[in-house]
């Protein structure tokens, strides 16, 4: 028996990118992944909706 090199389902998620945006209401950072852009995102701290299209790229590695 051989050990798999990746977890099941790895292929469908290997190209995801993560993005962080600060809530415009309270400043709390919120991270989402590239497959979540079509979904409504709410701040975990204050509950207000965050429009990720209004976010700016602060820096990248």
C-alpha atoms as a PDB file:
ATOM      1  CA  UNK A   1       0.000   0.000   0.000  1.00  0.00           C
ATOM      2  CA  UNK A   2       1.354   3.446  -0.890  1.00  0.00           C
ATOM      3  CA  UNK A   3       0.911   6.748   0.924  1.00  0.00           C
ATOM      4  CA  UNK A   4      -0.774   9.523  -1.110  1.00  0.00           C
ATOM      5  CA  UNK A   5       1.411  12.572  -1.751  1.00  0.00           C
ATOM      6  CA  UNK A   6      -1.462  15.054  -1.283  1.00  0.00           C
ATOM      7  CA  UNK A   7      -4.732  15.228   0.592  1.00  0.00           C
ATOM      8  CA  UNK A   8      -7.854  14.236  -1.371  1.00  0.00           C
ATOM      9  CA  UNK A   9      -9.170  17.236  -3.287  1.00  0.00           C
ATOM     10  CA  UNK A  10      -5.782  18.989  -3.357  1.00  0.00           C
ATOM     11  CA  UNK A  11      -5.869  19.558  -7.129  1.00  0.00           C
ATOM     12  CA  UNK A  12      -8.995  21.749  -7.060  1.00  0.00           C
ATOM     13  CA  UNK A  13      -7.508  24.104  -4.442  1.00  0.00           C
ATOM     14  CA  UNK A  14      -3.824  24.309  -5.365  1.00  0.00           C
ATOM     15  CA  UNK A  15      -4.201  27.516  -7.439  1.00  0.00           C
ATOM     16  CA  UNK A  16      -6.219  29.539  -4.898  1.00  0.00           C
ATOM     17  CA  UNK A  17      -4.890  32.945  -3.882  1.00  0.00           C
ATOM     18  CA  UNK A  18      -5.630  34.622  -0.555  1.00  0.00           C
ATOM     19  CA  UNK A  19      -6.422  38.302  -0.111  1.00  0.00           C
ATOM     20  CA  UNK A  20      -6.712  40.418   3.025  1.00  0.00           C
ATOM     21  CA  UNK A  21      -8.764  43.589   3.312  1.00  0.00           C
ATOM     22  CA  UNK A  22      -9.387  45.807   6.327  1.00  0.00           C
ATOM     23  CA  UNK A  23     -13.011  46.453   7.261  1.00  0.00           C
ATOM     24  CA  UNK A  24     -13.882  50.046   6.300  1.00  0.00           C
ATOM     25  CA  UNK A  25     -16.023  50.323   9.452  1.00  0.00           C
ATOM     26  CA  UNK A  26     -13.752  49.020  12.246  1.00  0.00           C
ATOM     27  CA  UNK A  27     -10.405  48.271  10.554  1.00  0.00           C
ATOM     28  CA  UNK A  28     -10.398  44.536  11.375  1.00  0.00           C
ATOM     29  CA  UNK A  29      -8.485  42.525   8.738  1.00  0.00           C
ATOM     30  CA  UNK A  30     -10.484  39.872   6.836  1.00  0.00           C
ATOM     31  CA  UNK A  31      -8.921  37.185   4.654  1.00  0.00           C
ATOM     32  CA  UNK A  32     -10.723  35.546   1.749  1.00  0.00           C
ATOM     33  CA  UNK A  33      -9.661  33.208  -1.012  1.00  0.00           C
ATOM     34  CA  UNK A  34      -9.964  33.822  -4.738  1.00  0.00           C
ATOM     35  CA  UNK A  35     -12.901  31.396  -5.084  1.00  0.00           C
ATOM     36  CA  UNK A  36     -14.948  33.522  -2.626  1.00  0.00           C
ATOM     37  CA  UNK A  37     -15.052  36.797  -4.605  1.00  0.00           C
ATOM     38  CA  UNK A  38     -18.641  36.213  -5.736  1.00  0.00           C
ATOM     39  CA  UNK A  39     -19.902  35.792  -2.159  1.00  0.00           C
ATOM     40  CA  UNK A  40     -20.922  38.499   0.303  1.00  0.00           C
ATOM     41  CA  UNK A  41     -18.194  38.972   2.917  1.00  0.00           C
ATOM     42  CA  UNK A  42     -18.899  40.306   6.405  1.00  0.00           C
ATOM     43  CA  UNK A  43     -16.477  41.498   9.049  1.00  0.00           C
ATOM     44  CA  UNK A  44     -15.948  38.938  11.808  1.00  0.00           C
ATOM     45  CA  UNK A  45     -15.722  41.718  14.416  1.00  0.00           C
ATOM     46  CA  UNK A  46     -18.509  44.209  13.622  1.00  0.00           C
ATOM     47  CA  UNK A  47     -20.634  42.279  11.106  1.00  0.00           C
ATOM     48  CA  UNK A  48     -20.619  44.990   8.426  1.00  0.00           C
ATOM     49  CA  UNK A  49     -20.313  43.975   4.773  1.00  0.00           C
ATOM     50  CA  UNK A  50     -16.860  44.328   3.190  1.00  0.00           C
ATOM     51  CA  UNK A  51     -16.604  45.182  -0.516  1.00  0.00           C
ATOM     52  CA  UNK A  52     -13.364  43.502  -1.597  1.00  0.00           C
ATOM     53  CA  UNK A  53     -13.473  45.341  -4.941  1.00  0.00           C
ATOM     54  CA  UNK A  54     -12.663  48.526  -2.992  1.00  0.00           C
ATOM     55  CA  UNK A  55      -9.582  47.036  -1.320  1.00  0.00           C
ATOM     56  CA  UNK A  56      -6.055  47.966  -2.338  1.00  0.00           C
ATOM     57  CA  UNK A  57      -2.966  45.796  -2.468  1.00  0.00           C
ATOM     58  CA  UNK A  58      -0.726  46.894   0.403  1.00  0.00           C
ATOM     59  CA  UNK A  59       2.221  44.696  -0.566  1.00  0.00           C
ATOM     60  CA  UNK A  60       3.110  41.254  -1.830  1.00  0.00           C
ATOM     61  CA  UNK A  61       5.740  38.648  -1.270  1.00  0.00           C
END
